[in-house]
Amino acid sequence: MTRQRKGGRFANEIRGVSRLGEMDSWTLPLFLSHIRVVESGCWEWTAGRNAKNYGKFTTHGREVQPHRLAYEHWVAVIPDGLVLDHLCRNPPCVNPDHLEIVTHRINILRGIGPCANNARKTHCAKGHEYDESNTIHRRTGGRACKACKQESNISYQVSRRARIKREGQTSG
């Protein structure tokens, strides 16, 4: 299936890159001139980078992400709906051996952001285990501890009854 790109052009009609990965004789040497191999085995992108430290590469008037371009050139086309995960956790790395095709969800959960950190938790802040009998699954995708929720409800009810009792004594 051919997908329409910006400007009404199709991916396979853009000079220099077809889909992303097929680099022509002008693009490949330019691309390779922006790579520095480091001790870790990463091929670090030395040219432009975005705010999240991922590379930027412009070829034939089209800006592409160099890690995606490298993967599609040396390995395979990235299927629609999937993304590349940097197994080395180094955003400027364009080494195809350090990249893996995964879903966006898997990529997020493998990371170090709040969503990933919370997903890895096995116990709540008070030490109750997150298991099937003690976990409330929220519609928003989050979860809560059933034992803590019950403790909170009991505490609220006790304080509410005490307040109602005080108000009743002072008005009478």
C-alpha atoms as a PDB file:
ATOM      1  CA  MET A   1       0.000   0.000   0.000  1.00  0.00           C
ATOM      2  CA  THR A   2       1.418   3.398  -0.975  1.00  0.00           C
ATOM      3  CA  ARG A   3       1.045   6.128   1.628  1.00  0.00           C
ATOM      4  CA  GLN A   4       0.690   9.782   0.748  1.00  0.00           C
ATOM      5  CA  ARG A   5       3.309  12.090   2.236  1.00  0.00           C
ATOM      6  CA  LYS A   6       3.549  15.855   2.805  1.00  0.00           C
ATOM      7  CA  GLY A   7       3.087  17.963  -0.280  1.00  0.00           C
ATOM      8  CA  GLY A   8       0.988  15.305  -2.010  1.00  0.00           C
ATOM      9  CA  ARG A   9       4.059  13.295  -3.058  1.00  0.00           C
ATOM     10  CA  PHE A  10       4.408   9.573  -2.494  1.00  0.00           C
ATOM     11  CA  ALA A  11       7.342   8.139  -0.535  1.00  0.00           C
ATOM     12  CA  ASN A  12       8.685   6.224  -3.529  1.00  0.00           C
ATOM     13  CA  GLU A  13       8.675   9.366  -5.684  1.00  0.00           C
ATOM     14  CA  ILE A  14      11.039  11.347  -3.444  1.00  0.00           C
ATOM     15  CA  ARG A  15      14.540  11.488  -4.964  1.00  0.00           C
ATOM     16  CA  GLY A  16      17.275   9.912  -2.856  1.00  0.00           C
ATOM     17  CA  VAL A  17      15.115   7.848  -0.550  1.00  0.00           C
ATOM     18  CA  SER A  18      12.462   5.284  -1.278  1.00  0.00           C
ATOM     19  CA  ARG A  19      10.284   4.664   1.781  1.00  0.00           C
ATOM     20  CA  LEU A  20      13.320   5.756   3.809  1.00  0.00           C
ATOM     21  CA  GLY A  21      16.034   3.207   3.460  1.00  0.00           C
ATOM     22  CA  GLU A  22      17.328   3.114  -0.096  1.00  0.00           C
ATOM     23  CA  MET A  23      20.099   5.733  -0.110  1.00  0.00           C
ATOM     24  CA  ASP A  24      21.536   6.795  -3.467  1.00  0.00           C
ATOM     25  CA  SER A  25      25.230   7.288  -4.320  1.00  0.00           C
ATOM     26  CA  TRP A  26      25.095  10.910  -3.135  1.00  0.00           C
ATOM     27  CA  THR A  27      23.129  10.338   0.099  1.00  0.00           C
ATOM     28  CA  LEU A  28      25.067   7.354   1.508  1.00  0.00           C
ATOM     29  CA  PRO A  29      28.534   9.013   1.678  1.00  0.00           C
ATOM     30  CA  LEU A  30      26.991  12.155   3.170  1.00  0.00           C
ATOM     31  CA  PHE A  31      25.134  10.046   5.742  1.00  0.00           C
ATOM     32  CA  LEU A  32      28.272   8.088   6.672  1.00  0.00           C
ATOM     33  CA  SER A  33      30.270  11.321   7.094  1.00  0.00           C
ATOM     34  CA  HIS A  34      28.012  12.205  10.049  1.00  0.00           C
ATOM     35  CA  ILE A  35      28.715   9.009  12.046  1.00  0.00           C
ATOM     36  CA  ARG A  36      31.358   8.547  14.761  1.00  0.00           C
ATOM     37  CA  VAL A  37      31.872   5.032  16.150  1.00  0.00           C
ATOM     38  CA  VAL A  38      32.401   5.080  19.929  1.00  0.00           C
ATOM     39  CA  GLU A  39      33.764   2.490  22.399  1.00  0.00           C
ATOM     40  CA  SER A  40      30.303   1.189  23.301  1.00  0.00           C
ATOM     41  CA  GLY A  41      29.760   0.183  19.668  1.00  0.00           C
ATOM     42  CA  CYS A  42      27.280   2.994  19.088  1.00  0.00           C
ATOM     43  CA  TRP A  43      27.404   4.850  15.791  1.00  0.00           C
ATOM     44  CA  GLU A  44      26.775   8.340  17.151  1.00  0.00           C
ATOM     45  CA  TRP A  45      25.153  10.894  14.891  1.00  0.00           C
ATOM     46  CA  THR A  46      27.396  13.980  14.809  1.00  0.00           C
ATOM     47  CA  ALA A  47      25.203  16.283  12.725  1.00  0.00           C
ATOM     48  CA  GLY A  48      21.974  18.006  13.749  1.00  0.00           C
ATOM     49  CA  ARG A  49      19.911  16.765  16.655  1.00  0.00           C
ATOM     50  CA  ASN A  50      16.458  17.601  17.986  1.00  0.00           C
ATOM     51  CA  ALA A  51      15.526  18.637  21.540  1.00  0.00           C
ATOM     52  CA  LYS A  52      15.398  14.975  22.666  1.00  0.00           C
ATOM     53  CA  ASN A  53      18.920  14.348  21.284  1.00  0.00           C
ATOM     54  CA  TYR A  54      17.742  12.214  18.337  1.00  0.00           C
ATOM     55  CA  GLY A  55      19.482  12.901  15.049  1.00  0.00           C
ATOM     56  CA  LYS A  56      18.106  14.955  12.175  1.00  0.00           C
ATOM     57  CA  PHE A  57      19.181  14.468   8.569  1.00  0.00           C
ATOM     58  CA  THR A  58      17.980  16.323   5.499  1.00  0.00           C
ATOM     59  CA  THR A  59      18.364  14.720   2.107  1.00  0.00           C
ATOM     60  CA  HIS A  60      16.876  16.030  -1.128  1.00  0.00           C
ATOM     61  CA  GLY A  61      14.787  18.568   0.801  1.00  0.00           C
ATOM     62  CA  ARG A  62      13.282  16.029   3.178  1.00  0.00           C
ATOM     63  CA  GLU A  63      14.119  15.773   6.894  1.00  0.00           C
ATOM     64  CA  VAL A  64      14.359  12.210   8.214  1.00  0.00           C
ATOM     65  CA  GLN A  65      15.477  10.564  11.439  1.00  0.00           C
ATOM     66  CA  PRO A  66      18.879   9.023  10.729  1.00  0.00           C
ATOM     67  CA  HIS A  67      18.362   5.993  12.993  1.00  0.00           C
ATOM     68  CA  ARG A  68      15.254   5.081  10.989  1.00  0.00           C
ATOM     69  CA  LEU A  69      17.064   5.697   7.702  1.00  0.00           C
ATOM     70  CA  ALA A  70      19.986   3.473   8.790  1.00  0.00           C
ATOM     71  CA  TYR A  71      17.687   0.673   9.947  1.00  0.00           C
ATOM     72  CA  GLU A  72      15.685   0.690   6.720  1.00  0.00           C
ATOM     73  CA  HIS A  73      18.852   0.869   4.610  1.00  0.00           C
ATOM     74  CA  TRP A  74      20.757  -1.983   6.274  1.00  0.00           C
ATOM     75  CA  VAL A  75      18.026  -4.162   7.829  1.00  0.00           C
ATOM     76  CA  ALA A  76      14.375  -3.865   6.789  1.00  0.00           C
ATOM     77  CA  VAL A  77      11.423  -1.539   6.314  1.00  0.00           C
ATOM     78  CA  ILE A  78       9.777  -0.460   9.575  1.00  0.00           C
ATOM     79  CA  PRO A  79       6.110  -1.548   9.405  1.00  0.00           C
ATOM     80  CA  ASP A  80       3.411   1.075   9.926  1.00  0.00           C
ATOM     81  CA  GLY A  81       2.403   1.430  13.569  1.00  0.00           C
ATOM     82  CA  LEU A  82       5.762   0.240  14.906  1.00  0.00           C
ATOM     83  CA  VAL A  83       8.775   2.211  16.137  1.00  0.00           C
ATOM     84  CA  LEU A  84      12.477   1.624  16.736  1.00  0.00           C
ATOM     85  CA  ASP A  85      13.730   1.059  20.269  1.00  0.00           C
ATOM     86  CA  HIS A  86      17.325   2.053  21.035  1.00  0.00           C
ATOM     87  CA  LEU A  87      18.525  -1.019  22.961  1.00  0.00           C
ATOM     88  CA  CYS A  88      21.672   0.928  23.899  1.00  0.00           C
ATOM     89  CA  ARG A  89      19.539   3.766  25.395  1.00  0.00           C
ATOM     90  CA  ASN A  90      21.615   6.272  23.395  1.00  0.00           C
ATOM     91  CA  PRO A  91      19.289   8.483  21.269  1.00  0.00           C
ATOM     92  CA  PRO A  92      21.948   9.700  18.786  1.00  0.00           C
ATOM     93  CA  CYS A  93      22.984   6.092  17.977  1.00  0.00           C
ATOM     94  CA  VAL A  94      22.232   4.997  14.408  1.00  0.00           C
ATOM     95  CA  ASN A  95      23.796   1.513  14.628  1.00  0.00           C
ATOM     96  CA  PRO A  96      21.153  -0.895  13.236  1.00  0.00           C
ATOM     97  CA  ASP A  97      22.392  -3.617  15.616  1.00  0.00           C
ATOM     98  CA  HIS A  98      21.363  -1.382  18.532  1.00  0.00           C
ATOM     99  CA  LEU A  99      17.821  -0.895  17.195  1.00  0.00           C
ATOM    100  CA  GLU A 100      14.774  -3.148  17.461  1.00  0.00           C
ATOM    101  CA  ILE A 101      11.309  -2.805  15.943  1.00  0.00           C
ATOM    102  CA  VAL A 102       8.659  -2.724  18.695  1.00  0.00           C
ATOM    103  CA  THR A 103       5.251  -1.225  19.431  1.00  0.00           C
ATOM    104  CA  HIS A 104       5.145   2.280  20.902  1.00  0.00           C
ATOM    105  CA  ARG A 105       3.828   0.818  24.176  1.00  0.00           C
ATOM    106  CA  ILE A 106       6.753  -1.613  24.512  1.00  0.00           C
ATOM    107  CA  ASN A 107       9.185   1.203  23.710  1.00  0.00           C
ATOM    108  CA  ILE A 108       7.710   3.396  26.456  1.00  0.00           C
ATOM    109  CA  LEU A 109       7.649   0.574  29.022  1.00  0.00           C
ATOM    110  CA  ARG A 110      11.309  -0.270  28.337  1.00  0.00           C
ATOM    111  CA  GLY A 111      12.285   3.331  29.063  1.00  0.00           C
ATOM    112  CA  ILE A 112      12.973   5.238  32.268  1.00  0.00           C
ATOM    113  CA  GLY A 113      10.046   7.673  32.240  1.00  0.00           C
ATOM    114  CA  PRO A 114       7.225   7.821  34.815  1.00  0.00           C
ATOM    115  CA  CYS A 115       4.989   5.378  32.911  1.00  0.00           C
ATOM    116  CA  ALA A 116       7.735   2.763  32.718  1.00  0.00           C
ATOM    117  CA  ASN A 117       8.785   3.255  36.336  1.00  0.00           C
ATOM    118  CA  ASN A 118       5.215   2.920  37.609  1.00  0.00           C
ATOM    119  CA  ALA A 119       4.565  -0.158  35.456  1.00  0.00           C
ATOM    120  CA  ARG A 120       7.572  -1.909  37.037  1.00  0.00           C
ATOM    121  CA  LYS A 121       6.307  -1.364  40.600  1.00  0.00           C
ATOM    122  CA  THR A 122       5.122  -4.551  42.313  1.00  0.00           C
ATOM    123  CA  HIS A 123       3.968  -2.901  45.574  1.00  0.00           C
ATOM    124  CA  CYS A 124       2.219   0.346  46.488  1.00  0.00           C
ATOM    125  CA  ALA A 125       3.885   3.073  48.575  1.00  0.00           C
ATOM    126  CA  LYS A 126       2.604   1.425  51.792  1.00  0.00           C
ATOM    127  CA  GLY A 127       3.977  -1.989  50.820  1.00  0.00           C
ATOM    128  CA  HIS A 128       0.785  -3.755  49.675  1.00  0.00           C
ATOM    129  CA  GLU A 129       1.370  -6.096  46.734  1.00  0.00           C
ATOM    130  CA  TYR A 130      -0.186  -5.289  43.363  1.00  0.00           C
ATOM    131  CA  ASP A 131      -1.931  -8.573  42.573  1.00  0.00           C
ATOM    132  CA  GLU A 132      -5.301  -9.411  41.016  1.00  0.00           C
ATOM    133  CA  SER A 133      -7.174  -9.295  44.335  1.00  0.00           C
ATOM    134  CA  ASN A 134      -5.597  -6.028  45.530  1.00  0.00           C
ATOM    135  CA  THR A 135      -5.424  -3.939  42.357  1.00  0.00           C
ATOM    136  CA  ILE A 136      -7.954  -1.465  41.002  1.00  0.00           C
ATOM    137  CA  HIS A 137      -7.470  -0.933  37.260  1.00  0.00           C
ATOM    138  CA  ARG A 138      -8.488   2.583  36.252  1.00  0.00           C
ATOM    139  CA  ARG A 139     -10.087   3.446  32.915  1.00  0.00           C
ATOM    140  CA  THR A 140      -7.196   5.830  32.266  1.00  0.00           C
ATOM    141  CA  GLY A 141      -4.758   2.919  32.314  1.00  0.00           C
ATOM    142  CA  GLY A 142      -3.419   3.518  35.809  1.00  0.00           C
ATOM    143  CA  ARG A 143      -3.869   1.340  38.842  1.00  0.00           C
ATOM    144  CA  ALA A 144      -4.482   1.793  42.547  1.00  0.00           C
ATOM    145  CA  CYS A 145      -4.098  -0.301  45.677  1.00  0.00           C
ATOM    146  CA  LYS A 146      -7.431  -1.670  46.916  1.00  0.00           C
ATOM    147  CA  ALA A 147      -6.202  -1.980  50.539  1.00  0.00           C
ATOM    148  CA  CYS A 148      -5.038   1.661  50.591  1.00  0.00           C
ATOM    149  CA  LYS A 149      -8.331   2.787  49.033  1.00  0.00           C
ATOM    150  CA  GLN A 150     -10.280   0.947  51.744  1.00  0.00           C
ATOM    151  CA  GLU A 151      -8.078   2.463  54.483  1.00  0.00           C
ATOM    152  CA  SER A 152      -8.653   5.910  52.977  1.00  0.00           C
ATOM    153  CA  ASN A 153     -12.428   5.367  52.843  1.00  0.00           C
ATOM    154  CA  ILE A 154     -12.547   4.202  56.476  1.00  0.00           C
ATOM    155  CA  SER A 155     -10.442   7.179  57.613  1.00  0.00           C
ATOM    156  CA  TYR A 156     -12.717   9.562  55.708  1.00  0.00           C
ATOM    157  CA  GLN A 157     -15.882   8.032  57.197  1.00  0.00           C
ATOM    158  CA  VAL A 158     -14.479   8.232  60.770  1.00  0.00           C
ATOM    159  CA  SER A 159     -13.480  11.896  60.375  1.00  0.00           C
ATOM    160  CA  ARG A 160     -16.825  12.716  58.710  1.00  0.00           C
ATOM    161  CA  ARG A 161     -18.820  11.137  61.556  1.00  0.00           C
ATOM    162  CA  ALA A 162     -16.706  13.002  64.125  1.00  0.00           C
ATOM    163  CA  ARG A 163     -17.278  16.312  62.323  1.00  0.00           C
ATOM    164  CA  ILE A 164     -21.045  15.713  62.094  1.00  0.00           C
ATOM    165  CA  LYS A 165     -21.103  14.818  65.799  1.00  0.00           C
ATOM    166  CA  ARG A 166     -19.200  18.029  66.740  1.00  0.00           C
ATOM    167  CA  GLU A 167     -21.484  20.158  64.585  1.00  0.00           C
ATOM    168  CA  GLY A 168     -24.534  18.552  66.199  1.00  0.00           C
ATOM    169  CA  GLN A 169     -23.267  19.256  69.730  1.00  0.00           C
ATOM    170  CA  THR A 170     -22.407  22.921  69.055  1.00  0.00           C
ATOM    171  CA  SER A 171     -25.709  23.812  67.425  1.00  0.00           C
ATOM    172  CA  GLY A 172     -27.901  22.334  70.122  1.00  0.00           C
END
